[in-house]
Amino acid sequence: MAYISKVKYEEASEEVKALIDEQIRDHGKITNMKLTLLHSVPAYHALMEWFPLEETIEAFLGERAVNFFCYAISEENDCLLCSAFFRQILKELDIDFDTFEFTEEEDLLVQYGKAIVRDANNIPAELFDQLKKHWNEEQIVAITAFATIMIATNIINKSLAVDLDENLLPYAQK
């Protein structure tokens, strides 16, 4: 059970109602996490920066690699909600993360994402050497910033015990 309620549209301020309407217009629905975050509009906006960064890194990594990166981070961080979200995406792409053969770049992203979660203070220099073979410094900074927002999303969902969205229930188990 969630520690923080979801914002109720009928009780929300006009600003929050507009943000809910925007999400529904753009995505067809609004997630439990976003309805929880909307108790604090600045917190909501901070974590919604995930989307511009996602577009930035998708431009040079591709959508599939970004999904692998997010799933690896969420699994390593033990975030049920985010893991289920990306598990649903992978299932729709008919990909079994545990047996899939990644490209060299995808494998490197998975390693990097897991390393950031495990111990951001001790990421092996060799891993950065490998990253630099594929991406420039600007791109590595964008990838890393994106990972930190993914981790922040994981932490919000875990700390506040945000309820799984109904559509994610079938993906809550591997």
Protein backbone atom coordinates (compact mmCIF):
# COMPACT_ATOMS: atom_id res chain seq x y z
CA MET A 1 0.00 0.00 0.00
CA ALA A 2 1.28 3.43 -0.94
CA TYR A 3 2.49 5.79 1.76
CA ILE A 4 1.34 8.83 -0.22
CA SER A 5 -2.03 9.08 -1.93
CA LYS A 6 -2.49 9.81 -5.59
CA VAL A 7 -3.72 13.31 -6.35
CA LYS A 8 -7.45 13.31 -6.98
CA TYR A 9 -8.34 15.32 -10.06
CA GLU A 10 -11.50 16.79 -8.56
CA GLU A 11 -9.54 18.08 -5.54
CA ALA A 12 -6.48 19.32 -7.46
CA SER A 13 -5.46 22.91 -8.14
CA GLU A 14 -5.97 24.28 -11.63
CA GLU A 15 -2.21 23.96 -12.26
CA VAL A 16 -2.23 20.27 -11.31
CA LYS A 17 -5.40 19.62 -13.32
CA ALA A 18 -3.69 21.14 -16.36
CA LEU A 19 -0.67 18.85 -15.87
CA ILE A 20 -2.91 15.80 -15.53
CA ASP A 21 -4.84 16.82 -18.65
CA GLU A 22 -1.55 17.25 -20.53
CA GLN A 23 -0.36 13.78 -19.54
CA ILE A 24 -3.63 12.18 -20.58
CA ARG A 25 -3.67 14.12 -23.85
CA ASP A 26 -0.06 13.19 -24.67
CA HIS A 27 0.03 9.61 -23.33
CA GLY A 28 -3.59 8.47 -23.09
CA LYS A 29 -3.29 8.04 -19.32
CA ILE A 30 -1.38 9.20 -16.28
CA THR A 31 0.64 6.83 -14.12
CA ASN A 32 0.37 6.32 -10.38
CA MET A 33 3.89 7.70 -9.96
CA LYS A 34 2.97 10.95 -11.71
CA LEU A 35 -0.24 11.28 -9.71
CA THR A 36 1.85 10.86 -6.56
CA LEU A 37 4.51 13.34 -7.67
CA LEU A 38 1.87 15.96 -8.41
CA HIS A 39 1.54 16.59 -4.67
CA SER A 40 4.68 18.65 -5.34
CA VAL A 41 4.70 20.36 -8.72
CA PRO A 42 8.46 21.16 -8.54
CA ALA A 43 9.19 17.47 -7.77
CA TYR A 44 7.00 16.47 -10.70
CA HIS A 45 8.82 18.85 -13.05
CA ALA A 46 12.24 17.70 -11.82
CA LEU A 47 11.53 14.06 -12.61
CA MET A 48 9.76 14.84 -15.87
CA GLU A 49 13.16 16.02 -17.17
CA TRP A 50 13.60 12.28 -17.75
CA PHE A 51 11.72 12.72 -21.05
CA PRO A 52 13.93 15.39 -22.70
CA LEU A 53 17.03 13.43 -21.65
CA GLU A 54 15.48 10.24 -23.00
CA GLU A 55 14.98 11.94 -26.38
CA THR A 56 18.58 13.18 -26.30
CA ILE A 57 20.13 9.78 -25.68
CA GLU A 58 17.68 7.91 -27.92
CA ALA A 59 18.97 10.03 -30.79
CA PHE A 60 22.37 8.31 -30.59
CA LEU A 61 21.60 5.07 -28.70
CA GLY A 62 18.25 4.06 -30.16
CA GLU A 63 15.04 3.27 -28.33
CA ARG A 64 15.82 -0.42 -27.72
CA ALA A 65 19.17 0.33 -26.06
CA VAL A 66 17.57 2.98 -23.84
CA ASN A 67 14.92 0.49 -22.74
CA PHE A 68 17.63 -2.07 -21.89
CA PHE A 69 19.52 0.60 -19.94
CA CYS A 70 16.43 1.60 -17.95
CA TYR A 71 15.46 -1.98 -17.24
CA ALA A 72 18.99 -2.88 -16.06
CA ILE A 73 19.05 0.13 -13.72
CA SER A 74 15.57 -0.63 -12.35
CA GLU A 75 16.33 -4.31 -11.80
CA GLU A 76 19.67 -3.58 -10.15
CA ASN A 77 17.94 -0.98 -7.98
CA ASP A 78 15.18 -3.48 -7.12
CA CYS A 79 12.37 -1.15 -8.17
CA LEU A 80 9.32 -3.31 -8.82
CA LEU A 81 7.28 -0.57 -10.49
CA CYS A 82 9.96 0.54 -12.94
CA SER A 83 11.13 -3.01 -13.60
CA ALA A 84 7.56 -4.04 -14.41
CA PHE A 85 7.17 -1.01 -16.69
CA PHE A 86 10.25 -1.91 -18.73
CA ARG A 87 9.50 -5.64 -18.55
CA GLN A 88 6.19 -4.82 -20.28
CA ILE A 89 8.03 -2.93 -23.02
CA LEU A 90 10.50 -5.79 -23.53
CA LYS A 91 7.67 -8.35 -23.61
CA GLU A 92 5.91 -6.29 -26.28
CA LEU A 93 9.18 -6.39 -28.27
CA ASP A 94 9.35 -10.19 -27.67
CA ILE A 95 12.69 -9.84 -25.83
CA ASP A 96 13.77 -11.96 -22.87
CA PHE A 97 16.32 -9.74 -21.14
CA ASP A 98 18.03 -12.69 -19.42
CA THR A 99 18.73 -14.62 -22.64
CA PHE A 100 18.85 -11.87 -25.25
CA GLU A 101 22.09 -11.30 -27.13
CA PHE A 102 22.87 -7.63 -26.85
CA THR A 103 24.98 -5.65 -29.24
CA GLU A 104 28.34 -4.56 -27.85
CA GLU A 105 26.96 -1.07 -27.15
CA GLU A 106 23.80 -2.41 -25.47
CA ASP A 107 25.87 -4.73 -23.27
CA LEU A 108 28.12 -1.81 -22.31
CA LEU A 109 25.09 0.30 -21.35
CA VAL A 110 23.70 -2.52 -19.23
CA GLN A 111 27.06 -2.88 -17.45
CA TYR A 112 27.30 0.88 -16.92
CA GLY A 113 23.74 1.20 -15.61
CA LYS A 114 24.27 -1.62 -13.12
CA ALA A 115 27.64 -0.21 -12.05
CA ILE A 116 26.12 3.21 -11.34
CA VAL A 117 23.47 1.64 -9.11
CA ARG A 118 25.88 -0.71 -7.32
CA ASP A 119 28.53 1.87 -6.44
CA ALA A 120 28.75 5.15 -8.31
CA ASN A 121 31.94 5.97 -6.40
CA ASN A 122 33.79 2.97 -7.78
CA ILE A 123 32.97 2.59 -11.46
CA PRO A 124 35.98 0.87 -13.02
CA ALA A 125 38.19 3.06 -15.21
CA GLU A 126 38.14 0.25 -17.78
CA LEU A 127 34.40 0.71 -18.13
CA PHE A 128 34.89 4.39 -18.93
CA ASP A 129 37.59 3.46 -21.45
CA GLN A 130 35.01 1.26 -23.17
CA LEU A 131 32.34 3.96 -23.02
CA LYS A 132 34.74 6.43 -24.65
CA LYS A 133 35.27 4.04 -27.57
CA HIS A 134 31.59 4.40 -28.44
CA TRP A 135 30.51 7.82 -27.25
CA ASN A 136 31.99 11.27 -26.74
CA GLU A 137 32.10 13.10 -23.42
CA GLU A 138 28.90 15.04 -24.07
CA GLN A 139 27.06 11.80 -24.78
CA ILE A 140 28.50 10.04 -21.71
CA VAL A 141 27.39 12.95 -19.52
CA ALA A 142 23.87 12.75 -21.01
CA ILE A 143 23.76 8.97 -20.49
CA THR A 144 24.92 9.39 -16.89
CA ALA A 145 22.45 12.19 -16.12
CA PHE A 146 19.66 10.10 -17.60
CA ALA A 147 20.69 7.17 -15.37
CA THR A 148 20.52 9.39 -12.30
CA ILE A 149 16.98 10.48 -13.11
CA MET A 150 16.05 6.82 -13.69
CA ILE A 151 17.51 6.03 -10.26
CA ALA A 152 15.63 8.97 -8.72
CA THR A 153 12.44 7.59 -10.25
CA ASN A 154 13.23 4.18 -8.75
CA ILE A 155 13.81 5.74 -5.34
CA ILE A 156 10.56 7.75 -5.42
CA ASN A 157 8.58 4.63 -6.30
CA LYS A 158 10.30 2.50 -3.67
CA SER A 159 10.42 5.08 -0.86
CA LEU A 160 6.81 6.13 -1.21
CA ALA A 161 5.64 2.57 -2.03
CA VAL A 162 3.83 3.85 -5.12
CA ASP A 163 1.22 1.30 -6.17
CA LEU A 164 1.78 -0.60 -9.38
CA ASP A 165 -0.37 0.66 -12.21
CA GLU A 166 -3.06 -1.87 -13.07
CA ASN A 167 -1.61 -2.51 -16.55
CA LEU A 168 1.72 -3.49 -14.95
CA LEU A 169 0.35 -6.17 -12.62
CA PRO A 170 0.99 -9.02 -15.11
CA TYR A 171 4.63 -7.89 -15.34
CA ALA A 172 5.29 -7.72 -11.61
CA GLN A 173 6.84 -11.20 -11.71
CA LYS A 174 9.59 -12.25 -14.08
